[in-house]
Structure formats: C-alpha cells, structure tokens
C-alpha cells in the first residue's frame, strides 16, 4: 500500500486528536490514581487501559482495518490486533509513557502513538498534556511542536549540554554512561518517549535506552529522524525494519543524537552489544 502525503496527513491528524483526548483523560484521572505492579516490575494505573481504549476507539473510527499493537493487553501482556487488510499499517500505542512518574504524582509523562508501515516508523505523535505540547512527524514531513517546525540541536558534547539517560541500565553500558556523565549534564526524566521528543526539538543533544519496548520508541524514532537526528542500535546498526508479525515485546537498545555528536557517541558505545 502506498502512503500518499494525503494519507499520512490523515494518519497524523487522527493520532494527534486521539493523543489529546487520552492526555486530557489522563490528567482528569490524576486526582484519584490507583496503581499496581504488572509482571512484578512495571507499574500500571487505572488510567492506562482507560486512555488506551480512548485512543483505539478513535483510531478504529477512522481506520477500522489497520493493525493495533498497544502496551496494555490481556493477562499483563501487550495487545495485538493484526491488520485486517493488505496495508501492513500498525498503530503502536503507549497510553501513558512515564507511568511510574504518573502514579507518584510526578508530572512528566506523555501519550505516544507511532505508526509503522512495512516494519518501519512512518508517523508519530507524542503529547505531553501537562505542558500542552504536541509533537508530530511523518515520512517526508518536518517534525512539528505545537505546529511550529522543530529540529535537533547542533550543540556539541559539553558540560552545559543535556543528555538523557534510561532510569535503569545494565552493566554493559556502564563505562559509556560514566564517560557521558563526566562530559554532559545528565537528565533522567522517566519517560523514554519524552526524551526522544526533547531530542527532536533540540532541548537535549542525545539519549539512549537499553530497555525500551516498541510502544516506547515507535513515535520518537520518526520524530527524531524528521527533525534531522540519527537513531540506531547501540552498536550503530539500523533498528528498523522489524517483523511486526513476530514481535514479542523484545527490548530495544538504541542510541539517538544530533548529527554533530552522533559519531563521537557511537564511538563511546562501540563496545556494547547492538
């Protein structure tokens, strides 16, 4: 299926409205948050499935046959509804990215909706309801923040430049992390999607993750790419395309940065696994 500019605009408009509706509901639910553990390690709140259902219902009204992959599914697993046509279009949904923050009243969370076609991100929307910031992008279209063009910074690595970190990371990346900690101002905001949105608008120079799942990064990847940034695995390889039919909630190990510093960062991480 060909993704025409008109279809991509319709996809972005649909994702934007769905994200806004879910974000508004998430803020409403903040006054009475209840939370529990999923898979013994991940926090989930009563708002996550509510917001996810809002998003899916809105998308289904416009694109009833597209595929859906969303974080909150049955039995603490992801939700998977394959495409019912030959479009090979999947909507990748994280109703609240930064749920741990959300559950504890830290107002740093967002709604993330990415769209994947033929295994690669082609459109993405991230909405931060607490600042009313809407980030959008699609193949062939400039990344926007609240309708205004956004682009990655051209800042070099320095002690006044901010770099965003995973909340947790494994020993394989500790040498790289320690080096970046010495060279930059560290930021860990508890939301991979927001890290990627901030990189796309030039607020930070780079970020990495070793634990993100597809719904955490699908929207952010296209935002960064269309803003002039680079996203690869930690080993410097292309992270996409992937086989959507065989995705089983595997984690992504990604490095993202502005092009000025990506080669230097890639060298710092070169001893890690891809």
Protein backbone atom coordinates (compact mmCIF):
# COMPACT_ATOMS: atom_id res chain seq x y z
CA UNK A 1 0.00 0.00 0.00
CA UNK A 2 1.35 3.42 -0.97
CA UNK A 3 1.45 6.03 1.77
CA UNK A 4 0.49 9.23 -0.01
CA UNK A 5 1.03 12.65 1.59
CA UNK A 6 -2.75 12.92 1.98
CA UNK A 7 -2.96 9.59 3.82
CA UNK A 8 -0.02 10.46 6.05
CA UNK A 9 -1.65 13.77 6.97
CA UNK A 10 -4.86 11.94 7.84
CA UNK A 11 -2.88 9.49 9.99
CA UNK A 12 -1.09 12.29 11.84
CA UNK A 13 -4.33 14.23 12.36
CA UNK A 14 -6.03 11.11 13.71
CA UNK A 15 -3.14 10.28 16.03
CA UNK A 16 -3.00 13.89 17.25
CA UNK A 17 -6.65 14.02 18.18
CA UNK A 18 -6.54 10.58 19.81
CA UNK A 19 -3.47 11.57 21.84
CA UNK A 20 -5.08 14.81 23.00
CA UNK A 21 -8.23 13.02 24.13
CA UNK A 22 -6.22 10.41 26.02
CA UNK A 23 -3.98 13.06 27.57
CA UNK A 24 -6.95 15.07 28.82
CA UNK A 25 -8.39 11.92 30.39
CA UNK A 26 -5.04 11.06 32.00
CA UNK A 27 -4.95 14.47 33.69
CA UNK A 28 -8.54 14.01 34.91
CA UNK A 29 -7.60 10.66 36.43
CA UNK A 30 -4.65 12.16 38.33
CA UNK A 31 -6.91 13.15 41.23
CA UNK A 32 -7.59 9.51 42.15
CA UNK A 33 -4.70 7.41 40.88
CA UNK A 34 -4.52 3.78 41.95
CA UNK A 35 -1.62 1.61 40.86
CA UNK A 36 -0.40 -1.98 40.89
CA UNK A 37 2.56 -3.99 39.64
CA UNK A 38 2.49 -5.73 36.28
CA UNK A 39 4.90 -8.62 35.74
CA UNK A 40 6.37 -7.79 39.17
CA UNK A 41 8.44 -4.94 37.74
CA UNK A 42 6.22 -2.43 35.91
CA UNK A 43 3.73 -0.01 37.41
CA UNK A 44 0.27 0.21 35.84
CA UNK A 45 -2.55 2.53 36.91
CA UNK A 46 -6.29 2.54 36.42
CA UNK A 47 -5.80 5.28 33.82
CA UNK A 48 -3.60 3.25 31.44
CA UNK A 49 -6.33 0.97 30.00
CA UNK A 50 -8.89 3.78 30.06
CA UNK A 51 -6.65 6.07 27.99
CA UNK A 52 -5.68 3.21 25.68
CA UNK A 53 -9.31 2.43 24.94
CA UNK A 54 -9.95 6.10 24.09
CA UNK A 55 -7.09 6.01 21.59
CA UNK A 56 -8.09 2.71 19.99
CA UNK A 57 -11.74 3.70 19.69
CA UNK A 58 -10.81 6.94 17.95
CA UNK A 59 -8.40 5.22 15.54
CA UNK A 60 -10.90 2.47 14.74
CA UNK A 61 -13.50 5.07 13.78
CA UNK A 62 -11.15 6.34 11.07
CA UNK A 63 -9.04 3.31 10.16
CA UNK A 64 -11.06 0.22 11.14
CA UNK A 65 -8.80 -2.30 9.38
CA UNK A 66 -5.34 -1.16 10.42
CA UNK A 67 -3.33 -3.19 12.93
CA UNK A 68 -3.00 -2.27 16.60
CA UNK A 69 -0.16 -3.05 18.98
CA UNK A 70 -0.59 -1.48 22.40
CA UNK A 71 1.07 -1.79 25.77
CA UNK A 72 -1.95 -2.81 27.84
CA UNK A 73 -3.29 -6.21 26.81
CA UNK A 74 -4.83 -9.27 28.47
CA UNK A 75 -3.01 -11.08 31.27
CA UNK A 76 -0.41 -8.33 31.68
CA UNK A 77 0.76 -8.80 28.09
CA UNK A 78 0.62 -6.45 25.12
CA UNK A 79 -2.48 -6.08 22.95
CA UNK A 80 -2.05 -7.32 19.37
CA UNK A 81 -4.70 -6.93 16.65
CA UNK A 82 -3.17 -7.61 13.20
CA UNK A 83 -4.25 -5.58 10.14
CA UNK A 84 -7.45 -6.77 8.51
CA UNK A 85 -6.37 -5.53 5.07
CA UNK A 86 -3.21 -5.56 2.95
CA UNK A 87 -1.95 -2.19 4.17
CA UNK A 88 0.62 -3.58 6.65
CA UNK A 89 -0.05 -0.49 8.78
CA UNK A 90 0.26 -0.87 12.54
CA UNK A 91 -0.63 1.71 15.19
CA UNK A 92 1.77 1.43 18.14
CA UNK A 93 0.24 2.81 21.32
CA UNK A 94 1.59 3.72 24.74
CA UNK A 95 -1.34 5.38 26.53
CA UNK A 96 0.85 6.74 29.35
CA UNK A 97 4.61 6.67 28.91
CA UNK A 98 6.16 7.50 32.25
CA UNK A 99 3.58 5.57 34.26
CA UNK A 100 5.83 5.40 37.31
CA UNK A 101 6.01 9.19 37.32
CA UNK A 102 2.26 9.41 36.77
CA UNK A 103 1.48 7.01 39.62
CA UNK A 104 3.56 9.07 42.04
CA UNK A 105 2.30 12.49 41.01
CA UNK A 106 5.38 13.47 39.03
CA UNK A 107 4.03 15.47 36.11
CA UNK A 108 6.42 14.14 33.49
CA UNK A 109 4.52 11.70 31.28
CA UNK A 110 3.01 11.61 27.83
CA UNK A 111 0.85 9.79 25.31
CA UNK A 112 2.83 8.14 22.50
CA UNK A 113 1.30 6.93 19.22
CA UNK A 114 3.54 5.67 16.43
CA UNK A 115 2.58 4.22 13.05
CA UNK A 116 4.64 1.50 11.40
CA UNK A 117 4.40 0.52 7.73
CA UNK A 118 6.39 -2.33 6.22
CA UNK A 119 8.22 -2.68 9.51
CA UNK A 120 9.46 0.92 9.90
CA UNK A 121 8.05 4.01 11.65
CA UNK A 122 6.34 6.37 9.20
CA UNK A 123 4.40 8.67 11.54
CA UNK A 124 4.46 9.61 15.18
CA UNK A 125 2.71 11.77 17.72
CA UNK A 126 3.77 12.44 21.31
CA UNK A 127 1.53 14.56 23.52
CA UNK A 128 2.56 16.00 26.87
CA UNK A 129 -0.74 17.05 28.47
CA UNK A 130 0.87 18.82 31.42
CA UNK A 131 2.52 21.39 29.15
CA UNK A 132 0.02 21.01 26.29
CA UNK A 133 2.90 20.15 23.95
CA UNK A 134 2.08 18.16 20.81
CA UNK A 135 4.95 16.71 18.78
CA UNK A 136 4.16 15.35 15.31
CA UNK A 137 6.07 13.94 12.35
CA UNK A 138 5.67 11.71 9.32
CA UNK A 139 7.80 10.49 6.44
CA UNK A 140 8.57 13.41 4.17
CA UNK A 141 7.19 15.94 6.66
CA UNK A 142 9.06 18.19 9.08
CA UNK A 143 8.76 17.46 12.78
CA UNK A 144 6.50 19.98 14.48
CA UNK A 145 5.99 21.04 18.07
CA UNK A 146 2.60 22.69 18.51
CA UNK A 147 2.52 23.33 14.79
CA UNK A 148 5.91 25.02 14.59
CA UNK A 149 8.96 23.40 12.91
CA UNK A 150 11.28 21.59 15.30
CA UNK A 151 14.79 20.32 14.73
CA UNK A 152 17.58 18.71 16.68
CA UNK A 153 20.24 20.97 18.09
CA UNK A 154 23.71 21.40 16.65
CA UNK A 155 25.29 21.62 20.09
CA UNK A 156 28.49 19.74 20.79
CA UNK A 157 29.16 17.49 23.77
CA UNK A 158 29.92 19.79 26.68
CA UNK A 159 29.26 20.29 30.36
CA UNK A 160 26.39 22.65 29.59
CA UNK A 161 24.68 20.27 27.13
CA UNK A 162 21.98 17.90 28.43
CA UNK A 163 21.93 14.18 27.67
CA UNK A 164 19.04 11.91 28.74
CA UNK A 165 19.54 8.52 30.37
CA UNK A 166 17.47 5.43 31.00
CA UNK A 167 16.17 5.11 34.56
CA UNK A 168 17.97 1.76 34.73
CA UNK A 169 20.79 0.38 32.61
CA UNK A 170 22.77 -2.84 32.59
CA UNK A 171 26.50 -3.29 33.28
CA UNK A 172 27.36 -3.49 29.58
CA UNK A 173 26.86 0.25 29.16
CA UNK A 174 28.26 1.45 32.49
CA UNK A 175 31.64 2.57 31.06
CA UNK A 176 29.86 4.63 28.40
CA UNK A 177 27.44 6.06 30.94
CA UNK A 178 30.23 7.10 33.28
CA UNK A 179 32.05 8.83 30.44
CA UNK A 180 28.94 10.74 29.34
CA UNK A 181 28.20 11.69 32.95
CA UNK A 182 31.58 13.39 33.10
CA UNK A 183 31.10 15.16 29.78
CA UNK A 184 27.49 16.38 29.89
CA UNK A 185 24.62 17.33 32.18
CA UNK A 186 22.69 14.15 32.91
CA UNK A 187 18.92 14.04 32.70
CA UNK A 188 16.64 11.09 33.51
CA UNK A 189 13.01 12.10 33.30
CA UNK A 190 11.39 8.68 33.48
CA UNK A 191 9.81 8.75 30.02
CA UNK A 192 11.67 7.40 27.01
CA UNK A 193 9.13 8.95 24.65
CA UNK A 194 9.59 12.41 26.16
CA UNK A 195 13.38 12.01 26.00
CA UNK A 196 13.01 11.41 22.27
CA UNK A 197 10.60 14.32 21.81
CA UNK A 198 13.00 16.64 23.66
CA UNK A 199 15.84 15.49 21.41
CA UNK A 200 13.69 16.16 18.34
CA UNK A 201 13.05 19.77 19.41
CA UNK A 202 16.66 20.43 20.36
CA UNK A 203 16.28 20.54 24.13
CA UNK A 204 18.83 17.75 24.65
CA UNK A 205 21.72 16.58 22.49
CA UNK A 206 21.18 12.84 22.78
CA UNK A 207 19.65 9.91 24.62
CA UNK A 208 19.97 6.17 24.88
CA UNK A 209 17.89 3.25 26.10
CA UNK A 210 18.58 -0.39 26.78
CA UNK A 211 15.12 -1.37 27.97
CA UNK A 212 12.52 0.28 25.73
CA UNK A 213 9.78 -1.66 24.07
CA UNK A 214 8.29 -0.82 20.69
CA UNK A 215 5.49 1.33 22.11
CA UNK A 216 8.06 3.46 23.95
CA UNK A 217 10.04 4.40 20.86
CA UNK A 218 7.93 4.00 17.69
CA UNK A 219 6.72 7.61 17.67
CA UNK A 220 10.00 9.06 18.92
CA UNK A 221 12.10 7.47 16.19
CA UNK A 222 10.28 9.21 13.36
CA UNK A 223 10.16 12.49 15.31
CA UNK A 224 13.95 12.45 15.65
CA UNK A 225 14.60 11.37 12.07
CA UNK A 226 12.36 14.06 10.57
CA UNK A 227 13.97 16.63 12.86
CA UNK A 228 17.40 15.82 11.42
CA UNK A 229 18.61 13.44 14.10
CA UNK A 230 20.04 9.92 13.97
CA UNK A 231 18.67 6.79 15.65
CA UNK A 232 20.48 3.43 15.61
CA UNK A 233 21.09 0.47 17.84
CA UNK A 234 23.82 0.95 20.42
CA UNK A 235 26.06 -0.99 18.06
CA UNK A 236 25.47 1.51 15.24
CA UNK A 237 23.12 -0.65 13.17
CA UNK A 238 19.72 0.20 11.75
CA UNK A 239 16.98 -0.58 14.28
CA UNK A 240 14.29 -0.94 11.59
CA UNK A 241 12.61 -2.54 9.73
CA UNK A 242 11.32 -5.19 12.09
CA UNK A 243 8.97 -8.11 11.53
CA UNK A 244 5.76 -6.94 13.16
CA UNK A 245 4.17 -10.36 12.88
CA UNK A 246 6.89 -11.83 15.08
CA UNK A 247 7.39 -9.01 17.56
CA UNK A 248 7.11 -10.45 21.07
CA UNK A 249 7.75 -7.46 23.28
CA UNK A 250 11.53 -7.58 22.81
CA UNK A 251 13.51 -4.67 24.23
CA UNK A 252 15.33 -2.12 22.08
CA UNK A 253 18.86 -0.88 22.75
CA UNK A 254 19.01 2.46 20.98
CA UNK A 255 21.26 5.48 20.68
CA UNK A 256 19.86 8.75 19.35
CA UNK A 257 21.58 12.09 18.89
CA UNK A 258 22.03 15.13 16.74
CA UNK A 259 24.37 14.51 13.78
CA UNK A 260 27.10 16.74 15.20
CA UNK A 261 27.81 14.39 18.07
CA UNK A 262 26.47 11.03 16.91
CA UNK A 263 29.88 9.73 15.65
CA UNK A 264 31.52 10.58 18.97
CA UNK A 265 28.71 8.96 20.95
CA UNK A 266 28.77 5.89 18.74
CA UNK A 267 32.47 5.50 19.48
CA UNK A 268 31.79 5.77 23.21
CA UNK A 269 29.20 2.99 22.96
CA UNK A 270 31.05 0.87 20.40
CA UNK A 271 31.99 -1.87 22.87
CA UNK A 272 28.34 -2.51 23.82
CA UNK A 273 26.07 -5.04 22.18
CA UNK A 274 23.80 -3.89 19.38
